[in-house]
N, C-alpha and C. Protein backbone atom coordinates (compact mmCIF):
# COMPACT_ATOMS: atom_id res chain seq x y z
N MET A 1 22.00 1.92 1.44
CA MET A 1 20.73 2.57 1.17
C MET A 1 21.01 3.87 0.44
N ALA A 2 20.04 4.41 -0.24
CA ALA A 2 20.20 5.64 -1.03
C ALA A 2 20.55 6.81 -0.11
N GLN A 3 21.60 7.52 -0.46
CA GLN A 3 22.07 8.65 0.32
C GLN A 3 22.31 9.85 -0.59
N ALA A 4 22.96 10.87 -0.04
CA ALA A 4 23.32 12.05 -0.82
C ALA A 4 24.25 11.63 -1.96
N ASN A 5 24.53 12.51 -2.86
CA ASN A 5 25.37 12.32 -4.04
C ASN A 5 24.58 11.78 -5.23
N ALA A 6 23.42 11.21 -5.01
CA ALA A 6 22.56 10.84 -6.13
C ALA A 6 21.83 12.11 -6.55
N ALA A 7 21.36 12.13 -7.75
CA ALA A 7 20.66 13.32 -8.23
C ALA A 7 19.46 13.61 -7.32
N PRO A 8 19.29 14.85 -6.92
CA PRO A 8 18.17 15.18 -6.02
C PRO A 8 16.82 14.73 -6.57
N THR A 9 16.64 14.78 -7.87
CA THR A 9 15.35 14.37 -8.42
C THR A 9 15.11 12.88 -8.18
N GLU A 10 16.15 12.07 -8.20
CA GLU A 10 15.99 10.64 -7.92
C GLU A 10 15.61 10.42 -6.46
N ILE A 11 16.26 11.15 -5.57
CA ILE A 11 15.96 11.04 -4.14
C ILE A 11 14.53 11.51 -3.88
N GLU A 12 14.15 12.60 -4.52
CA GLU A 12 12.78 13.12 -4.35
C GLU A 12 11.75 12.12 -4.88
N ARG A 13 12.05 11.52 -6.01
CA ARG A 13 11.13 10.54 -6.58
C ARG A 13 11.02 9.32 -5.67
N LEU A 14 12.13 8.89 -5.10
CA LEU A 14 12.12 7.77 -4.16
C LEU A 14 11.23 8.09 -2.96
N ALA A 15 11.39 9.27 -2.39
CA ALA A 15 10.56 9.67 -1.26
C ALA A 15 9.09 9.75 -1.66
N HIS A 16 8.84 10.25 -2.85
CA HIS A 16 7.46 10.36 -3.35
C HIS A 16 6.82 8.98 -3.47
N TYR A 17 7.54 8.01 -4.04
CA TYR A 17 7.02 6.65 -4.15
C TYR A 17 6.72 6.07 -2.78
N ARG A 18 7.62 6.27 -1.85
CA ARG A 18 7.41 5.73 -0.49
C ARG A 18 6.21 6.39 0.18
N ASN A 19 6.08 7.70 -0.01
CA ASN A 19 4.94 8.41 0.57
C ASN A 19 3.62 7.94 -0.05
N LEU A 20 3.61 7.75 -1.36
CA LEU A 20 2.39 7.26 -2.00
C LEU A 20 2.02 5.87 -1.51
N ALA A 21 3.00 5.00 -1.36
CA ALA A 21 2.72 3.66 -0.85
C ALA A 21 2.08 3.74 0.54
N ALA A 22 2.64 4.59 1.39
CA ALA A 22 2.10 4.75 2.74
C ALA A 22 0.68 5.33 2.69
N GLN A 23 0.46 6.27 1.79
CA GLN A 23 -0.86 6.87 1.67
C GLN A 23 -1.89 5.83 1.22
N PHE A 24 -1.55 5.01 0.24
CA PHE A 24 -2.48 3.97 -0.21
C PHE A 24 -2.75 2.95 0.89
N ARG A 25 -1.71 2.60 1.68
CA ARG A 25 -1.93 1.68 2.80
C ARG A 25 -2.87 2.30 3.83
N GLY A 26 -2.69 3.59 4.09
CA GLY A 26 -3.58 4.29 5.03
C GLY A 26 -5.02 4.30 4.56
N TRP A 27 -5.22 4.57 3.27
CA TRP A 27 -6.57 4.53 2.73
C TRP A 27 -7.15 3.13 2.83
N ALA A 28 -6.33 2.13 2.56
CA ALA A 28 -6.80 0.75 2.64
C ALA A 28 -7.22 0.39 4.06
N ASP A 29 -6.47 0.89 5.04
CA ASP A 29 -6.80 0.61 6.44
C ASP A 29 -8.19 1.11 6.82
N HIS A 30 -8.64 2.16 6.15
CA HIS A 30 -9.94 2.75 6.48
C HIS A 30 -11.04 2.37 5.50
N GLU A 31 -10.72 1.50 4.57
CA GLU A 31 -11.69 1.10 3.55
C GLU A 31 -12.47 -0.13 4.01
N SER A 32 -13.79 -0.04 3.98
CA SER A 32 -14.62 -1.18 4.42
C SER A 32 -14.95 -2.14 3.28
N ASN A 33 -14.87 -1.68 2.05
CA ASN A 33 -15.16 -2.53 0.90
C ASN A 33 -13.93 -3.38 0.58
N ASP A 34 -14.10 -4.69 0.63
CA ASP A 34 -12.97 -5.61 0.44
C ASP A 34 -12.27 -5.42 -0.91
N GLU A 35 -13.07 -5.26 -1.96
CA GLU A 35 -12.49 -5.11 -3.30
C GLU A 35 -11.70 -3.80 -3.42
N ALA A 36 -12.26 -2.73 -2.89
CA ALA A 36 -11.57 -1.45 -2.92
C ALA A 36 -10.29 -1.52 -2.08
N ARG A 37 -10.37 -2.16 -0.91
CA ARG A 37 -9.20 -2.28 -0.04
C ARG A 37 -8.09 -3.06 -0.76
N ALA A 38 -8.48 -4.14 -1.44
CA ALA A 38 -7.50 -4.94 -2.17
C ALA A 38 -6.83 -4.11 -3.27
N GLY A 39 -7.62 -3.29 -3.96
CA GLY A 39 -7.07 -2.43 -5.00
C GLY A 39 -6.10 -1.41 -4.44
N LEU A 40 -6.46 -0.82 -3.30
CA LEU A 40 -5.57 0.16 -2.66
C LEU A 40 -4.27 -0.50 -2.20
N LEU A 41 -4.38 -1.70 -1.63
CA LEU A 41 -3.17 -2.40 -1.20
C LEU A 41 -2.31 -2.80 -2.39
N ASP A 42 -2.94 -3.12 -3.51
CA ASP A 42 -2.18 -3.43 -4.72
C ASP A 42 -1.41 -2.20 -5.18
N MET A 43 -2.05 -1.05 -5.15
CA MET A 43 -1.36 0.20 -5.53
C MET A 43 -0.18 0.45 -4.58
N ALA A 44 -0.38 0.21 -3.29
CA ALA A 44 0.71 0.39 -2.32
C ALA A 44 1.88 -0.53 -2.65
N ARG A 45 1.58 -1.77 -2.98
CA ARG A 45 2.65 -2.73 -3.33
C ARG A 45 3.39 -2.29 -4.59
N GLN A 46 2.66 -1.75 -5.55
CA GLN A 46 3.30 -1.29 -6.78
C GLN A 46 4.25 -0.13 -6.49
N TYR A 47 3.82 0.82 -5.66
CA TYR A 47 4.70 1.93 -5.31
C TYR A 47 5.88 1.45 -4.46
N ASP A 48 5.65 0.49 -3.58
CA ASP A 48 6.76 -0.08 -2.81
C ASP A 48 7.79 -0.70 -3.76
N ARG A 49 7.30 -1.44 -4.76
CA ARG A 49 8.21 -2.08 -5.73
C ARG A 49 9.00 -1.02 -6.50
N LEU A 50 8.33 0.03 -6.94
CA LEU A 50 9.03 1.10 -7.64
C LEU A 50 10.11 1.72 -6.75
N ALA A 51 9.79 1.91 -5.48
CA ALA A 51 10.75 2.50 -4.55
C ALA A 51 11.96 1.59 -4.36
N VAL A 52 11.72 0.30 -4.22
CA VAL A 52 12.82 -0.66 -4.04
C VAL A 52 13.71 -0.67 -5.28
N GLU A 53 13.09 -0.70 -6.45
CA GLU A 53 13.86 -0.72 -7.70
C GLU A 53 14.67 0.57 -7.87
N LEU A 54 14.07 1.71 -7.57
CA LEU A 54 14.77 2.98 -7.71
C LEU A 54 15.91 3.08 -6.69
N ALA A 55 15.67 2.64 -5.47
CA ALA A 55 16.72 2.66 -4.44
C ALA A 55 17.91 1.80 -4.88
N ALA A 56 17.63 0.66 -5.48
CA ALA A 56 18.72 -0.21 -5.96
C ALA A 56 19.52 0.49 -7.06
N ARG A 57 18.82 1.18 -7.97
CA ARG A 57 19.54 1.91 -9.03
C ARG A 57 20.39 3.03 -8.45
N ILE A 58 19.83 3.76 -7.48
CA ILE A 58 20.58 4.84 -6.84
C ILE A 58 21.81 4.27 -6.14
N ASP A 59 21.61 3.19 -5.40
CA ASP A 59 22.74 2.56 -4.70
C ASP A 59 23.82 2.10 -5.67
N ALA A 60 23.42 1.57 -6.82
CA ALA A 60 24.39 1.11 -7.82
C ALA A 60 25.19 2.29 -8.36
N VAL A 61 24.53 3.41 -8.61
CA VAL A 61 25.23 4.61 -9.09
C VAL A 61 26.22 5.08 -8.03
N LEU A 62 25.77 5.12 -6.80
CA LEU A 62 26.67 5.56 -5.72
C LEU A 62 27.85 4.62 -5.54
N ALA A 63 27.63 3.32 -5.70
CA ALA A 63 28.71 2.36 -5.58
C ALA A 63 29.73 2.56 -6.71
N ARG A 64 29.24 2.79 -7.92
CA ARG A 64 30.15 3.03 -9.05
C ARG A 64 30.94 4.31 -8.82
N ARG A 65 30.30 5.32 -8.31
CA ARG A 65 31.01 6.58 -8.05
C ARG A 65 32.09 6.36 -6.99
N GLY A 66 31.79 5.52 -6.01
CA GLY A 66 32.76 5.24 -4.96
C GLY A 66 33.96 4.49 -5.51
N GLU A 67 33.73 3.57 -6.44
CA GLU A 67 34.81 2.80 -7.04
C GLU A 67 35.69 3.69 -7.91
N ASN A 68 35.10 4.69 -8.52
CA ASN A 68 35.85 5.59 -9.40
C ASN A 68 36.45 6.75 -8.65
N GLY A 69 36.18 6.85 -7.35
CA GLY A 69 36.73 7.93 -6.56
C GLY A 69 36.08 9.27 -6.79
N LYS A 70 34.88 9.26 -7.34
CA LYS A 70 34.17 10.52 -7.60
C LYS A 70 33.22 10.83 -6.52
């Protein structure tokens, strides 16, 4: 999983994406309109996907640094 040694801005962006996903899910939980709820959940899924993709890139960078001894 993404840890220290990655650029702080990448870690911050990862946390931001995760927070936004959680926020959209929270809004969806309280939304009574089905269409609006579906849209909010879609936004949450998009931010979750961005977070997963960014975490994978961070992990790949960290793995390469580990192989190079840096």
